[in-house]
Amino acid sequence: NFKVQRKLLELNMAKTKKQRSRQKYNYSKNRKRQWKKSKKKAKIGNKSIEAAWDERKSVSQNLREMGLSHDVNKTIPLPKTRDIMPKVYQLKDEEMETDSPLKKSKKRKKLHVMNQLEMEANTPQEGTPRLSSEMVRYCTYMMDKHGED
C-alpha cells in the first residue's frame, strides 16, 4: 500500500497544481459573446491595408500578396556560418548544390498597397507638440508675462 501511494505521489510531482486539479466549467463566462467577439473583423490601423484585406485568407497570405513581411526572420535571414567561412564548407556546398531545387517566387497581386505605404512613410510630417494645448497656452502666457527667465 505504501509503495502504491509513493508511486502516485511521484506521478503527481511532475505536474503543476493546475494540471493536477480537474478543470471545471466556468458558468460566469458568456460563451456566445466570446464566440461573436472572436468572429469580429480585426481592426487594422491603415486604410489601404484594410481595403485590400481578404477575410478568407490567413494573415501571412494577405501580407505576402501585398508585398509586406509577416515574419522578418524569414524575409531577411541571418547569414549562415558557411556563407561567412566559405573555405571550410566549400566541399559540403558543392555536394549540396546538386540536391537543392530552386524555389519559384510567387507574383504579388496587391503591390499598390506596398507603394502607398512607402509614399505615406516618405511624406514629411509636421511636428506636433508633446504637451497638451492647454499646457502650451499656459507656458506661452507665462513666457509673455515673465520673459524667458
C-alpha atoms as a PDB file:
ATOM      1  CA  ASN A   1       0.000   0.000   0.000  1.00  0.00           C
ATOM      2  CA  PHE A   2       2.822   2.379   0.884  1.00  0.00           C
ATOM      3  CA  LYS A   3       4.584   1.650  -2.432  1.00  0.00           C
ATOM      4  CA  VAL A   4       1.399   2.423  -4.399  1.00  0.00           C
ATOM      5  CA  GLN A   5       0.947   5.730  -2.570  1.00  0.00           C
ATOM      6  CA  ARG A   6       4.611   6.581  -3.142  1.00  0.00           C
ATOM      7  CA  LYS A   7       4.256   5.829  -6.876  1.00  0.00           C
ATOM      8  CA  LEU A   8       1.126   8.035  -7.135  1.00  0.00           C
ATOM      9  CA  LEU A   9       2.930  10.842  -5.357  1.00  0.00           C
ATOM     10  CA  GLU A  10       5.857  10.588  -7.793  1.00  0.00           C
ATOM     11  CA  LEU A  11       3.493  10.741 -10.743  1.00  0.00           C
ATOM     12  CA  ASN A  12       1.831  13.890  -9.381  1.00  0.00           C
ATOM     13  CA  MET A  13       5.141  15.582  -8.611  1.00  0.00           C
ATOM     14  CA  ALA A  14       5.878  16.121 -12.306  1.00  0.00           C
ATOM     15  CA  LYS A  15       2.617  18.014 -12.795  1.00  0.00           C
ATOM     16  CA  THR A  16       1.750  21.519 -11.666  1.00  0.00           C
ATOM     17  CA  LYS A  17      -1.092  22.229  -9.287  1.00  0.00           C
ATOM     18  CA  LYS A  18      -3.194  23.443 -12.204  1.00  0.00           C
ATOM     19  CA  GLN A  19      -2.618  20.209 -14.108  1.00  0.00           C
ATOM     20  CA  ARG A  20      -3.492  18.057 -11.087  1.00  0.00           C
ATOM     21  CA  SER A  21      -6.757  19.833 -10.389  1.00  0.00           C
ATOM     22  CA  ARG A  22      -9.690  18.920 -12.588  1.00  0.00           C
ATOM     23  CA  GLN A  23     -10.877  21.633 -14.960  1.00  0.00           C
ATOM     24  CA  LYS A  24     -14.329  22.919 -14.133  1.00  0.00           C
ATOM     25  CA  TYR A  25     -16.791  24.662 -16.418  1.00  0.00           C
ATOM     26  CA  ASN A  26     -16.940  28.396 -15.770  1.00  0.00           C
ATOM     27  CA  TYR A  27     -20.607  29.389 -15.726  1.00  0.00           C
ATOM     28  CA  SER A  28     -19.872  33.092 -15.320  1.00  0.00           C
ATOM     29  CA  LYS A  29     -18.363  33.410 -18.828  1.00  0.00           C
ATOM     30  CA  ASN A  30     -20.723  34.246 -21.660  1.00  0.00           C
ATOM     31  CA  ARG A  31     -19.641  31.822 -24.392  1.00  0.00           C
ATOM     32  CA  LYS A  32     -21.936  33.309 -27.027  1.00  0.00           C
ATOM     33  CA  ARG A  33     -20.416  36.772 -26.541  1.00  0.00           C
ATOM     34  CA  GLN A  34     -16.900  35.306 -26.647  1.00  0.00           C
ATOM     35  CA  TRP A  35     -17.638  33.474 -29.895  1.00  0.00           C
ATOM     36  CA  LYS A  36     -19.062  36.629 -31.501  1.00  0.00           C
ATOM     37  CA  LYS A  37     -16.051  38.630 -30.373  1.00  0.00           C
ATOM     38  CA  SER A  38     -13.680  36.082 -31.919  1.00  0.00           C
ATOM     39  CA  LYS A  39     -15.570  36.251 -35.248  1.00  0.00           C
ATOM     40  CA  LYS A  40     -15.364  40.061 -35.410  1.00  0.00           C
ATOM     41  CA  LYS A  41     -13.215  41.586 -38.098  1.00  0.00           C
ATOM     42  CA  ALA A  42      -9.891  42.746 -36.716  1.00  0.00           C
ATOM     43  CA  LYS A  43      -9.257  46.486 -36.740  1.00  0.00           C
ATOM     44  CA  ILE A  44      -6.369  47.451 -38.981  1.00  0.00           C
ATOM     45  CA  GLY A  45      -4.863  50.880 -38.489  1.00  0.00           C
ATOM     46  CA  ASN A  46      -4.125  51.534 -42.167  1.00  0.00           C
ATOM     47  CA  LYS A  47      -6.937  52.155 -44.682  1.00  0.00           C
ATOM     48  CA  SER A  48      -5.039  50.820 -47.707  1.00  0.00           C
ATOM     49  CA  ILE A  49      -4.266  47.520 -45.971  1.00  0.00           C
ATOM     50  CA  GLU A  50      -7.834  47.257 -44.694  1.00  0.00           C
ATOM     51  CA  ALA A  51      -9.244  47.796 -48.205  1.00  0.00           C
ATOM     52  CA  ALA A  52      -7.039  45.082 -49.721  1.00  0.00           C
ATOM     53  CA  TRP A  53      -7.541  42.597 -46.863  1.00  0.00           C
ATOM     54  CA  ASP A  54      -9.201  39.280 -47.749  1.00  0.00           C
ATOM     55  CA  GLU A  55     -11.045  37.628 -44.837  1.00  0.00           C
ATOM     56  CA  ARG A  56     -10.831  34.171 -46.396  1.00  0.00           C
ATOM     57  CA  LYS A  57      -7.017  34.181 -46.369  1.00  0.00           C
ATOM     58  CA  SER A  58      -4.609  33.934 -43.466  1.00  0.00           C
ATOM     59  CA  VAL A  59      -2.608  36.876 -42.152  1.00  0.00           C
ATOM     60  CA  SER A  60       0.627  35.684 -43.743  1.00  0.00           C
ATOM     61  CA  GLN A  61      -1.051  35.109 -47.142  1.00  0.00           C
ATOM     62  CA  ASN A  62      -2.648  38.571 -47.092  1.00  0.00           C
ATOM     63  CA  LEU A  63       0.605  40.300 -46.197  1.00  0.00           C
ATOM     64  CA  ARG A  64       2.583  38.287 -48.757  1.00  0.00           C
ATOM     65  CA  GLU A  65       0.192  39.357 -51.533  1.00  0.00           C
ATOM     66  CA  MET A  66       0.599  42.983 -50.509  1.00  0.00           C
ATOM     67  CA  GLY A  67       4.377  42.697 -50.628  1.00  0.00           C
ATOM     68  CA  LEU A  68       4.719  43.027 -46.847  1.00  0.00           C
ATOM     69  CA  SER A  69       6.501  40.729 -44.422  1.00  0.00           C
ATOM     70  CA  HIS A  70       4.759  38.600 -41.815  1.00  0.00           C
ATOM     71  CA  ASP A  71       7.954  37.143 -40.351  1.00  0.00           C
ATOM     72  CA  VAL A  72      11.046  39.317 -40.652  1.00  0.00           C
ATOM     73  CA  ASN A  73      13.346  36.425 -39.778  1.00  0.00           C
ATOM     74  CA  LYS A  74      12.166  34.526 -42.863  1.00  0.00           C
ATOM     75  CA  THR A  75      12.223  37.614 -45.097  1.00  0.00           C
ATOM     76  CA  ILE A  76      15.725  38.749 -44.124  1.00  0.00           C
ATOM     77  CA  PRO A  77      17.551  35.667 -42.846  1.00  0.00           C
ATOM     78  CA  LEU A  78      20.774  35.977 -40.886  1.00  0.00           C
ATOM     79  CA  PRO A  79      23.905  34.895 -42.779  1.00  0.00           C
ATOM     80  CA  LYS A  80      24.865  31.299 -42.097  1.00  0.00           C
ATOM     81  CA  THR A  81      28.319  30.245 -40.945  1.00  0.00           C
ATOM     82  CA  ARG A  82      29.012  28.523 -44.252  1.00  0.00           C
ATOM     83  CA  ASP A  83      28.497  31.855 -46.050  1.00  0.00           C
ATOM     84  CA  ILE A  84      30.894  33.626 -43.689  1.00  0.00           C
ATOM     85  CA  MET A  85      33.561  30.915 -43.852  1.00  0.00           C
ATOM     86  CA  PRO A  86      33.383  29.575 -47.433  1.00  0.00           C
ATOM     87  CA  LYS A  87      36.735  27.752 -47.467  1.00  0.00           C
ATOM     88  CA  VAL A  88      35.827  25.373 -44.659  1.00  0.00           C
ATOM     89  CA  TYR A  89      32.428  24.448 -46.068  1.00  0.00           C
ATOM     90  CA  GLN A  90      33.325  24.573 -49.775  1.00  0.00           C
ATOM     91  CA  LEU A  91      33.248  20.799 -50.277  1.00  0.00           C
ATOM     92  CA  LYS A  92      29.929  20.401 -48.465  1.00  0.00           C
ATOM     93  CA  ASP A  93      28.338  23.199 -50.532  1.00  0.00           C
ATOM     94  CA  GLU A  94      29.340  21.559 -53.812  1.00  0.00           C
ATOM     95  CA  GLU A  95      27.618  18.351 -52.727  1.00  0.00           C
ATOM     96  CA  MET A  96      24.509  20.243 -51.590  1.00  0.00           C
ATOM     97  CA  GLU A  97      24.112  22.191 -54.861  1.00  0.00           C
ATOM     98  CA  THR A  98      23.148  19.097 -56.837  1.00  0.00           C
ATOM     99  CA  ASP A  99      20.370  18.164 -54.378  1.00  0.00           C
ATOM    100  CA  SER A 100      18.700  21.545 -53.730  1.00  0.00           C
ATOM    101  CA  PRO A 101      15.862  22.554 -56.112  1.00  0.00           C
ATOM    102  CA  LEU A 102      15.230  26.276 -56.722  1.00  0.00           C
ATOM    103  CA  LYS A 103      12.113  27.817 -55.218  1.00  0.00           C
ATOM    104  CA  LYS A 104       9.771  29.704 -57.514  1.00  0.00           C
ATOM    105  CA  SER A 105       8.845  33.224 -56.468  1.00  0.00           C
ATOM    106  CA  LYS A 106       5.121  33.947 -56.437  1.00  0.00           C
ATOM    107  CA  LYS A 107       3.693  37.047 -58.096  1.00  0.00           C
ATOM    108  CA  ARG A 108       2.322  39.689 -55.776  1.00  0.00           C
ATOM    109  CA  LYS A 109      -1.120  40.906 -56.768  1.00  0.00           C
ATOM    110  CA  LYS A 110      -1.631  43.882 -54.472  1.00  0.00           C
ATOM    111  CA  LEU A 111       1.592  45.864 -54.875  1.00  0.00           C
ATOM    112  CA  HIS A 112      -0.336  49.147 -54.816  1.00  0.00           C
ATOM    113  CA  VAL A 113      -0.689  48.708 -51.037  1.00  0.00           C
ATOM    114  CA  MET A 114       3.084  48.499 -50.571  1.00  0.00           C
ATOM    115  CA  ASN A 115       3.644  51.518 -52.828  1.00  0.00           C
ATOM    116  CA  GLN A 116       1.034  53.526 -50.944  1.00  0.00           C
ATOM    117  CA  LEU A 117       2.610  52.648 -47.593  1.00  0.00           C
ATOM    118  CA  GLU A 118       6.018  53.754 -48.885  1.00  0.00           C
ATOM    119  CA  MET A 119       4.561  57.074 -50.064  1.00  0.00           C
ATOM    120  CA  GLU A 120       2.936  57.653 -46.653  1.00  0.00           C
ATOM    121  CA  ALA A 121       6.212  56.872 -44.893  1.00  0.00           C
ATOM    122  CA  ASN A 122       8.195  59.253 -47.132  1.00  0.00           C
ATOM    123  CA  THR A 123       5.860  62.239 -46.732  1.00  0.00           C
ATOM    124  CA  PRO A 124       7.184  64.703 -44.165  1.00  0.00           C
ATOM    125  CA  GLN A 125       5.012  65.063 -41.091  1.00  0.00           C
ATOM    126  CA  GLU A 126       4.649  68.291 -39.191  1.00  0.00           C
ATOM    127  CA  GLY A 127       5.880  68.096 -35.615  1.00  0.00           C
ATOM    128  CA  THR A 128       3.125  68.126 -33.037  1.00  0.00           C
ATOM    129  CA  PRO A 129       3.833  69.460 -29.555  1.00  0.00           C
ATOM    130  CA  ARG A 130       4.140  66.802 -26.887  1.00  0.00           C
ATOM    131  CA  LEU A 131       2.264  68.974 -24.410  1.00  0.00           C
ATOM    132  CA  SER A 132      -1.485  69.451 -24.324  1.00  0.00           C
ATOM    133  CA  SER A 133      -2.895  72.593 -25.934  1.00  0.00           C
ATOM    134  CA  GLU A 134      -3.858  73.989 -22.522  1.00  0.00           C
ATOM    135  CA  MET A 135      -0.316  73.492 -21.235  1.00  0.00           C
ATOM    136  CA  VAL A 136       1.170  75.172 -24.321  1.00  0.00           C
ATOM    137  CA  ARG A 137      -1.187  78.125 -23.825  1.00  0.00           C
ATOM    138  CA  TYR A 138      -0.213  78.389 -20.156  1.00  0.00           C
ATOM    139  CA  CYS A 139       3.523  78.230 -20.979  1.00  0.00           C
ATOM    140  CA  THR A 140       3.242  80.954 -23.626  1.00  0.00           C
ATOM    141  CA  TYR A 141       1.269  83.117 -21.197  1.00  0.00           C
ATOM    142  CA  MET A 142       3.940  82.710 -18.519  1.00  0.00           C
ATOM    143  CA  MET A 143       6.723  83.441 -21.036  1.00  0.00           C
ATOM    144  CA  ASP A 144       4.926  86.615 -22.152  1.00  0.00           C
ATOM    145  CA  LYS A 145       4.447  87.683 -18.563  1.00  0.00           C
ATOM    146  CA  HIS A 146       7.901  86.846 -17.145  1.00  0.00           C
ATOM    147  CA  GLY A 147      10.096  86.564 -20.236  1.00  0.00           C
ATOM    148  CA  GLU A 148      12.489  83.664 -20.728  1.00  0.00           C
ATOM    149  CA  ASP A 149      13.685  83.842 -17.148  1.00  0.00           C
END
